[in-house]
Amino acid sequence: MKDKFLHIMLVDNDRHVRDALRVFFEGSRTDFLIFKSGLEGLNSLKYQDIDVIISDYFLPDMDGIDFLNMAAKLHPNATRILMATMTNDEMALGIAQAGIDKFIEKPITVDSLETIIKELEINKLSKGHLDGKSNEEY
């Protein structure tokens, strides 16, 4: 079995959010990559195997919906999650049109994050069984 089960990328320009999530994932079965801009994340996606892409809506160089749309072109099977402190009708429409898998309202709680990670692990396991892979390959 590989050391890491899920490969997650976070893109958020807020250092406190990046640091808190880094601590949360420390010691877990998760490979956790962190970037502070959309362009940094997109450049990394060219070279990384990523299962989950989490992006804040408010990035310094683009909005999170645009970032997740571009990320989907590089990794179409990755789960895409958008985070924001507030939403409006225009953002909700953009989320729906982009086919983003989940929306998380900030501030993020540990309980909500743990629930989402467990769902993602279950989804990955079930996809592995559907693809004919054993759990040992993960």
N, C-alpha and C. Protein backbone atom coordinates (compact mmCIF):
# COMPACT_ATOMS: atom_id res chain seq x y z
N MET A 1 0.85 -1.19 0.00
CA MET A 1 0.00 0.00 0.00
C MET A 1 0.88 1.24 0.00
N LYS A 2 0.52 2.22 -0.80
CA LYS A 2 1.28 3.46 -0.83
C LYS A 2 1.12 4.19 0.48
N ASP A 3 2.11 5.02 0.80
CA ASP A 3 2.07 5.78 2.04
C ASP A 3 0.89 6.73 2.08
N LYS A 4 0.58 7.38 0.98
CA LYS A 4 -0.47 8.39 0.95
C LYS A 4 -1.65 7.87 0.16
N PHE A 5 -2.84 8.12 0.69
CA PHE A 5 -4.06 7.62 0.08
C PHE A 5 -4.70 8.65 -0.83
N LEU A 6 -4.84 9.88 -0.35
CA LEU A 6 -5.43 10.96 -1.14
C LEU A 6 -4.38 12.02 -1.46
N HIS A 7 -4.44 12.55 -2.65
CA HIS A 7 -3.55 13.63 -3.07
C HIS A 7 -4.41 14.88 -3.23
N ILE A 8 -4.22 15.82 -2.32
CA ILE A 8 -5.06 17.02 -2.26
C ILE A 8 -4.23 18.26 -2.53
N MET A 9 -4.80 19.16 -3.34
CA MET A 9 -4.19 20.46 -3.57
C MET A 9 -5.10 21.53 -3.00
N LEU A 10 -4.52 22.47 -2.27
CA LEU A 10 -5.24 23.63 -1.76
C LEU A 10 -4.65 24.88 -2.38
N VAL A 11 -5.53 25.77 -2.86
CA VAL A 11 -5.10 27.07 -3.35
C VAL A 11 -5.89 28.11 -2.57
N ASP A 12 -5.18 28.88 -1.76
CA ASP A 12 -5.81 29.91 -0.92
C ASP A 12 -4.76 30.96 -0.61
N ASN A 13 -5.10 32.23 -0.79
CA ASN A 13 -4.11 33.28 -0.54
C ASN A 13 -4.02 33.66 0.94
N ASP A 14 -4.89 33.11 1.77
CA ASP A 14 -4.88 33.42 3.20
C ASP A 14 -3.91 32.48 3.93
N ARG A 15 -2.83 33.06 4.42
CA ARG A 15 -1.80 32.26 5.10
C ARG A 15 -2.35 31.50 6.29
N HIS A 16 -3.29 32.09 7.02
CA HIS A 16 -3.87 31.42 8.19
C HIS A 16 -4.64 30.16 7.79
N VAL A 17 -5.37 30.24 6.70
CA VAL A 17 -6.11 29.06 6.21
C VAL A 17 -5.12 28.00 5.76
N ARG A 18 -4.10 28.39 5.02
CA ARG A 18 -3.09 27.42 4.55
C ARG A 18 -2.41 26.74 5.73
N ASP A 19 -2.01 27.54 6.73
CA ASP A 19 -1.33 26.97 7.90
C ASP A 19 -2.25 26.04 8.69
N ALA A 20 -3.51 26.44 8.88
CA ALA A 20 -4.45 25.61 9.65
C ALA A 20 -4.70 24.28 8.94
N LEU A 21 -4.86 24.32 7.64
CA LEU A 21 -5.11 23.07 6.91
C LEU A 21 -3.86 22.22 6.83
N ARG A 22 -2.70 22.84 6.76
CA ARG A 22 -1.44 22.08 6.78
C ARG A 22 -1.35 21.29 8.09
N VAL A 23 -1.66 21.93 9.20
CA VAL A 23 -1.64 21.26 10.50
C VAL A 23 -2.69 20.15 10.54
N PHE A 24 -3.89 20.43 10.02
CA PHE A 24 -4.96 19.44 10.02
C PHE A 24 -4.54 18.16 9.30
N PHE A 25 -3.88 18.29 8.15
CA PHE A 25 -3.52 17.13 7.35
C PHE A 25 -2.20 16.49 7.74
N GLU A 26 -1.43 17.14 8.61
CA GLU A 26 -0.15 16.59 9.04
C GLU A 26 -0.35 15.22 9.68
N GLY A 27 0.43 14.26 9.27
CA GLY A 27 0.35 12.93 9.85
C GLY A 27 -0.80 12.09 9.33
N SER A 28 -1.58 12.63 8.40
CA SER A 28 -2.69 11.86 7.83
C SER A 28 -2.19 11.07 6.62
N ARG A 29 -3.08 10.30 6.06
CA ARG A 29 -2.75 9.53 4.86
C ARG A 29 -2.98 10.38 3.61
N THR A 30 -2.72 11.65 3.73
CA THR A 30 -2.99 12.60 2.66
C THR A 30 -1.71 13.31 2.24
N ASP A 31 -1.48 13.35 0.95
CA ASP A 31 -0.41 14.16 0.38
C ASP A 31 -1.06 15.52 0.12
N PHE A 32 -0.59 16.55 0.79
CA PHE A 32 -1.26 17.84 0.79
C PHE A 32 -0.35 18.90 0.22
N LEU A 33 -0.68 19.42 -0.95
CA LEU A 33 0.09 20.47 -1.61
C LEU A 33 -0.64 21.79 -1.42
N ILE A 34 0.10 22.84 -1.14
CA ILE A 34 -0.51 24.14 -0.83
C ILE A 34 0.11 25.22 -1.71
N PHE A 35 -0.78 26.05 -2.29
CA PHE A 35 -0.34 27.16 -3.13
C PHE A 35 -1.15 28.40 -2.79
N LYS A 36 -0.58 29.58 -3.05
CA LYS A 36 -1.28 30.81 -2.69
C LYS A 36 -1.88 31.54 -3.88
N SER A 37 -1.67 31.04 -5.10
CA SER A 37 -2.28 31.68 -6.27
C SER A 37 -2.74 30.61 -7.27
N GLY A 38 -3.68 31.02 -8.11
CA GLY A 38 -4.18 30.11 -9.12
C GLY A 38 -3.11 29.67 -10.10
N LEU A 39 -2.26 30.60 -10.53
CA LEU A 39 -1.21 30.25 -11.48
C LEU A 39 -0.22 29.25 -10.89
N GLU A 40 0.13 29.41 -9.61
CA GLU A 40 1.03 28.43 -8.96
C GLU A 40 0.38 27.05 -8.97
N GLY A 41 -0.90 27.01 -8.62
CA GLY A 41 -1.62 25.74 -8.60
C GLY A 41 -1.70 25.10 -9.98
N LEU A 42 -2.02 25.89 -11.00
CA LEU A 42 -2.11 25.35 -12.36
C LEU A 42 -0.77 24.84 -12.85
N ASN A 43 0.30 25.56 -12.55
CA ASN A 43 1.64 25.09 -12.95
C ASN A 43 1.96 23.76 -12.30
N SER A 44 1.61 23.61 -11.03
CA SER A 44 1.88 22.36 -10.32
C SER A 44 1.03 21.21 -10.85
N LEU A 45 -0.21 21.51 -11.24
CA LEU A 45 -1.10 20.46 -11.74
C LEU A 45 -0.56 19.76 -12.98
N LYS A 46 0.29 20.43 -13.71
CA LYS A 46 0.88 19.83 -14.90
C LYS A 46 1.76 18.63 -14.54
N TYR A 47 2.27 18.60 -13.31
CA TYR A 47 3.25 17.59 -12.91
C TYR A 47 2.80 16.71 -11.75
N GLN A 48 1.60 16.92 -11.23
CA GLN A 48 1.15 16.23 -10.03
C GLN A 48 -0.03 15.31 -10.31
N ASP A 49 -0.10 14.21 -9.58
CA ASP A 49 -1.26 13.33 -9.58
C ASP A 49 -2.15 13.80 -8.43
N ILE A 50 -3.30 14.41 -8.74
CA ILE A 50 -4.14 15.03 -7.72
C ILE A 50 -5.53 14.40 -7.75
N ASP A 51 -6.06 14.06 -6.57
CA ASP A 51 -7.41 13.51 -6.44
C ASP A 51 -8.43 14.61 -6.14
N VAL A 52 -8.02 15.60 -5.34
CA VAL A 52 -8.95 16.63 -4.86
C VAL A 52 -8.27 17.99 -5.00
N ILE A 53 -9.01 18.95 -5.57
CA ILE A 53 -8.52 20.32 -5.70
C ILE A 53 -9.46 21.23 -4.93
N ILE A 54 -8.93 21.89 -3.92
CA ILE A 54 -9.71 22.81 -3.09
C ILE A 54 -9.22 24.22 -3.38
N SER A 55 -10.14 25.11 -3.71
CA SER A 55 -9.75 26.48 -4.01
C SER A 55 -10.66 27.46 -3.30
N ASP A 56 -10.05 28.53 -2.82
CA ASP A 56 -10.81 29.65 -2.32
C ASP A 56 -11.38 30.38 -3.53
N TYR A 57 -12.49 31.07 -3.36
CA TYR A 57 -13.06 31.84 -4.46
C TYR A 57 -12.21 33.07 -4.75
N PHE A 58 -11.74 33.72 -3.70
CA PHE A 58 -10.99 34.97 -3.85
C PHE A 58 -9.50 34.68 -3.89
N LEU A 59 -8.96 34.55 -5.09
CA LEU A 59 -7.52 34.36 -5.29
C LEU A 59 -6.94 35.65 -5.82
N PRO A 60 -5.64 35.86 -5.63
CA PRO A 60 -5.05 37.14 -6.05
C PRO A 60 -5.02 37.33 -7.57
N ASP A 61 -5.02 36.24 -8.34
CA ASP A 61 -4.84 36.37 -9.78
C ASP A 61 -6.04 35.92 -10.62
N MET A 62 -7.04 35.32 -10.00
CA MET A 62 -8.25 34.88 -10.70
C MET A 62 -9.26 34.45 -9.66
N ASP A 63 -10.51 34.22 -10.08
CA ASP A 63 -11.45 33.71 -9.08
C ASP A 63 -11.39 32.19 -9.06
N GLY A 64 -11.84 31.61 -7.98
CA GLY A 64 -11.75 30.17 -7.77
C GLY A 64 -12.51 29.35 -8.80
N ILE A 65 -13.62 29.88 -9.30
CA ILE A 65 -14.37 29.15 -10.32
C ILE A 65 -13.55 29.04 -11.60
N ASP A 66 -12.94 30.14 -12.02
CA ASP A 66 -12.07 30.09 -13.21
C ASP A 66 -10.91 29.12 -12.99
N PHE A 67 -10.30 29.18 -11.80
CA PHE A 67 -9.19 28.27 -11.50
C PHE A 67 -9.65 26.81 -11.59
N LEU A 68 -10.79 26.49 -10.96
CA LEU A 68 -11.27 25.10 -10.97
C LEU A 68 -11.67 24.65 -12.37
N ASN A 69 -12.17 25.55 -13.20
CA ASN A 69 -12.47 25.19 -14.60
C ASN A 69 -11.20 24.84 -15.35
N MET A 70 -10.14 25.63 -15.16
CA MET A 70 -8.86 25.35 -15.82
C MET A 70 -8.24 24.06 -15.26
N ALA A 71 -8.37 23.86 -13.95
CA ALA A 71 -7.83 22.66 -13.32
C ALA A 71 -8.53 21.41 -13.86
N ALA A 72 -9.83 21.51 -14.13
CA ALA A 72 -10.58 20.36 -14.65
C ALA A 72 -10.07 19.92 -16.02
N LYS A 73 -9.53 20.85 -16.79
CA LYS A 73 -8.97 20.50 -18.09
C LYS A 73 -7.69 19.68 -17.93
N LEU A 74 -6.94 19.95 -16.87
CA LEU A 74 -5.70 19.21 -16.61
C LEU A 74 -5.95 17.89 -15.88
N HIS A 75 -6.95 17.89 -15.00
CA HIS A 75 -7.29 16.70 -14.20
C HIS A 75 -8.81 16.54 -14.17
N PRO A 76 -9.39 16.02 -15.24
CA PRO A 76 -10.86 15.95 -15.33
C PRO A 76 -11.51 15.05 -14.28
N ASN A 77 -10.77 14.10 -13.72
CA ASN A 77 -11.36 13.19 -12.74
C ASN A 77 -11.19 13.66 -11.29
N ALA A 78 -10.48 14.75 -11.08
CA ALA A 78 -10.26 15.26 -9.72
C ALA A 78 -11.56 15.86 -9.18
N THR A 79 -11.80 15.65 -7.91
CA THR A 79 -12.91 16.29 -7.22
C THR A 79 -12.55 17.74 -7.03
N ARG A 80 -13.48 18.65 -7.37
CA ARG A 80 -13.22 20.08 -7.25
C ARG A 80 -14.12 20.67 -6.18
N ILE A 81 -13.48 21.38 -5.25
CA ILE A 81 -14.18 21.98 -4.11
C ILE A 81 -13.87 23.48 -4.09
N LEU A 82 -14.91 24.29 -3.94
CA LEU A 82 -14.75 25.73 -3.85
C LEU A 82 -15.09 26.18 -2.44
N MET A 83 -14.28 27.11 -1.90
CA MET A 83 -14.54 27.69 -0.58
C MET A 83 -14.75 29.19 -0.74
N ALA A 84 -15.65 29.74 0.07
CA ALA A 84 -15.85 31.20 0.06
C ALA A 84 -16.50 31.61 1.37
N THR A 85 -16.24 32.85 1.76
CA THR A 85 -16.84 33.37 3.00
C THR A 85 -18.27 33.84 2.77
N MET A 86 -18.60 34.14 1.53
CA MET A 86 -19.95 34.58 1.22
C MET A 86 -20.28 34.16 -0.20
N THR A 87 -21.57 34.03 -0.48
CA THR A 87 -22.00 33.71 -1.83
C THR A 87 -23.08 34.69 -2.26
N ASN A 88 -23.25 34.78 -3.55
CA ASN A 88 -24.35 35.55 -4.10
C ASN A 88 -24.93 34.73 -5.26
N ASP A 89 -25.98 35.24 -5.86
CA ASP A 89 -26.65 34.49 -6.93
C ASP A 89 -25.72 34.23 -8.11
N GLU A 90 -24.91 35.22 -8.46
CA GLU A 90 -23.99 35.07 -9.58
C GLU A 90 -22.96 33.97 -9.31
N MET A 91 -22.43 33.94 -8.09
CA MET A 91 -21.46 32.91 -7.73
C MET A 91 -22.12 31.53 -7.73
N ALA A 92 -23.32 31.43 -7.18
CA ALA A 92 -24.03 30.15 -7.14
C ALA A 92 -24.27 29.63 -8.56
N LEU A 93 -24.62 30.51 -9.47
CA LEU A 93 -24.83 30.12 -10.86
C LEU A 93 -23.51 29.65 -11.48
N GLY A 94 -22.43 30.36 -11.21
CA GLY A 94 -21.11 29.96 -11.72
C GLY A 94 -20.68 28.61 -11.19
N ILE A 95 -20.96 28.34 -9.93
CA ILE A 95 -20.62 27.04 -9.33
C ILE A 95 -21.39 25.94 -10.03
N ALA A 96 -22.69 26.15 -10.23
CA ALA A 96 -23.53 25.14 -10.89
C ALA A 96 -23.08 24.91 -12.33
N GLN A 97 -22.81 25.98 -13.06
CA GLN A 97 -22.41 25.86 -14.46
C GLN A 97 -21.05 25.19 -14.60
N ALA A 98 -20.17 25.39 -13.64
CA ALA A 98 -18.82 24.81 -13.70
C ALA A 98 -18.81 23.33 -13.31
N GLY A 99 -19.88 22.84 -12.73
CA GLY A 99 -19.91 21.44 -12.30
C GLY A 99 -19.00 21.17 -11.12
N ILE A 100 -18.82 22.17 -10.27
CA ILE A 100 -17.97 22.00 -9.08
C ILE A 100 -18.65 21.01 -8.14
N ASP A 101 -17.87 20.10 -7.58
CA ASP A 101 -18.42 18.99 -6.80
C ASP A 101 -18.96 19.40 -5.44
N LYS A 102 -18.28 20.33 -4.78
CA LYS A 102 -18.71 20.74 -3.44
C LYS A 102 -18.43 22.20 -3.23
N PHE A 103 -19.26 22.81 -2.41
CA PHE A 103 -19.03 24.18 -1.97
C PHE A 103 -18.93 24.16 -0.46
N ILE A 104 -17.88 24.80 0.08
CA ILE A 104 -17.69 24.88 1.53
C ILE A 104 -17.73 26.35 1.91
N GLU A 105 -18.57 26.66 2.88
CA GLU A 105 -18.61 28.03 3.37
C GLU A 105 -17.58 28.20 4.46
N LYS A 106 -16.79 29.26 4.34
CA LYS A 106 -15.81 29.59 5.37
C LYS A 106 -16.48 30.32 6.51
N PRO A 107 -16.05 30.23 7.71
CA PRO A 107 -14.86 29.46 8.12
C PRO A 107 -15.14 27.96 8.13
N ILE A 108 -14.11 27.21 7.84
CA ILE A 108 -14.20 25.76 7.79
C ILE A 108 -14.05 25.20 9.19
N THR A 109 -14.88 24.23 9.53
CA THR A 109 -14.74 23.57 10.82
C THR A 109 -14.01 22.24 10.61
N VAL A 110 -13.35 21.78 11.64
CA VAL A 110 -12.65 20.49 11.57
C VAL A 110 -13.65 19.38 11.28
N ASP A 111 -14.82 19.43 11.92
CA ASP A 111 -15.83 18.39 11.70
C ASP A 111 -16.27 18.33 10.24
N SER A 112 -16.53 19.49 9.63
CA SER A 112 -16.97 19.49 8.24
C SER A 112 -15.86 18.99 7.32
N LEU A 113 -14.62 19.36 7.61
CA LEU A 113 -13.50 18.91 6.80
C LEU A 113 -13.30 17.40 6.94
N GLU A 114 -13.39 16.88 8.16
CA GLU A 114 -13.24 15.44 8.37
C GLU A 114 -14.33 14.67 7.62
N THR A 115 -15.55 15.17 7.64
CA THR A 115 -16.65 14.51 6.93
C THR A 115 -16.37 14.48 5.44
N ILE A 116 -15.93 15.58 4.88
CA ILE A 116 -15.64 15.65 3.45
C ILE A 116 -14.51 14.70 3.08
N ILE A 117 -13.46 14.65 3.88
CA ILE A 117 -12.32 13.76 3.59
C ILE A 117 -12.76 12.30 3.64
N LYS A 118 -13.58 11.94 4.62
CA LYS A 118 -14.08 10.56 4.69
C LYS A 118 -14.91 10.22 3.45
N GLU A 119 -15.76 11.15 3.00
CA GLU A 119 -16.54 10.94 1.78
C GLU A 119 -15.62 10.72 0.58
N LEU A 120 -14.59 11.53 0.49
CA LEU A 120 -13.65 11.41 -0.63
C LEU A 120 -12.91 10.08 -0.60
N GLU A 121 -12.51 9.64 0.59
CA GLU A 121 -11.83 8.35 0.71
C GLU A 121 -12.75 7.21 0.29
N ILE A 122 -14.01 7.27 0.71
CA ILE A 122 -14.99 6.24 0.33
C ILE A 122 -15.18 6.25 -1.18
N ASN A 123 -15.31 7.45 -1.77
CA ASN A 123 -15.46 7.54 -3.23
C ASN A 123 -14.26 6.96 -3.95
N LYS A 124 -13.06 7.23 -3.44
CA LYS A 124 -11.86 6.71 -4.09
C LYS A 124 -11.82 5.18 -3.99
N LEU A 125 -12.18 4.66 -2.83
CA LEU A 125 -12.23 3.20 -2.67
C LEU A 125 -13.23 2.58 -3.62
N SER A 126 -14.42 3.16 -3.72
CA SER A 126 -15.44 2.58 -4.59
C SER A 126 -15.03 2.69 -6.06
N LYS A 127 -14.38 3.77 -6.45
CA LYS A 127 -13.89 3.88 -7.82
C LYS A 127 -12.83 2.82 -8.09
N GLY A 128 -11.99 2.54 -7.10
CA GLY A 128 -10.97 1.51 -7.25
C GLY A 128 -11.59 0.15 -7.48
N HIS A 129 -12.67 -0.15 -6.77
CA HIS A 129 -13.34 -1.43 -6.96
C HIS A 129 -14.01 -1.48 -8.32
N LEU A 130 -14.59 -0.36 -8.76
CA LEU A 130 -15.24 -0.33 -10.07
C LEU A 130 -14.23 -0.46 -11.20
N ASP A 131 -13.04 0.05 -10.98
CA ASP A 131 -11.99 -0.04 -12.00
C ASP A 131 -11.26 -1.38 -11.97
N GLY A 132 -11.63 -2.23 -11.03
CA GLY A 132 -11.00 -3.53 -10.92
C GLY A 132 -9.71 -3.51 -10.15
N LYS A 133 -9.43 -2.45 -9.44
CA LYS A 133 -8.22 -2.34 -8.64
C LYS A 133 -8.51 -2.80 -7.22
N SER A 134 -7.52 -3.34 -6.60
CA SER A 134 -7.69 -3.68 -5.18
C SER A 134 -7.29 -2.49 -4.33
N ASN A 135 -7.70 -2.49 -3.09
CA ASN A 135 -7.33 -1.42 -2.18
C ASN A 135 -5.83 -1.36 -1.98
N GLU A 136 -5.15 -2.45 -2.16
CA GLU A 136 -3.72 -2.48 -1.93
C GLU A 136 -2.96 -1.63 -2.95
N GLU A 137 -3.61 -1.31 -4.06
CA GLU A 137 -2.94 -0.49 -5.06
C GLU A 137 -2.94 0.97 -4.68
N TYR A 138 -3.69 1.34 -3.65
CA TYR A 138 -3.78 2.74 -3.25
C TYR A 138 -2.78 3.06 -2.18
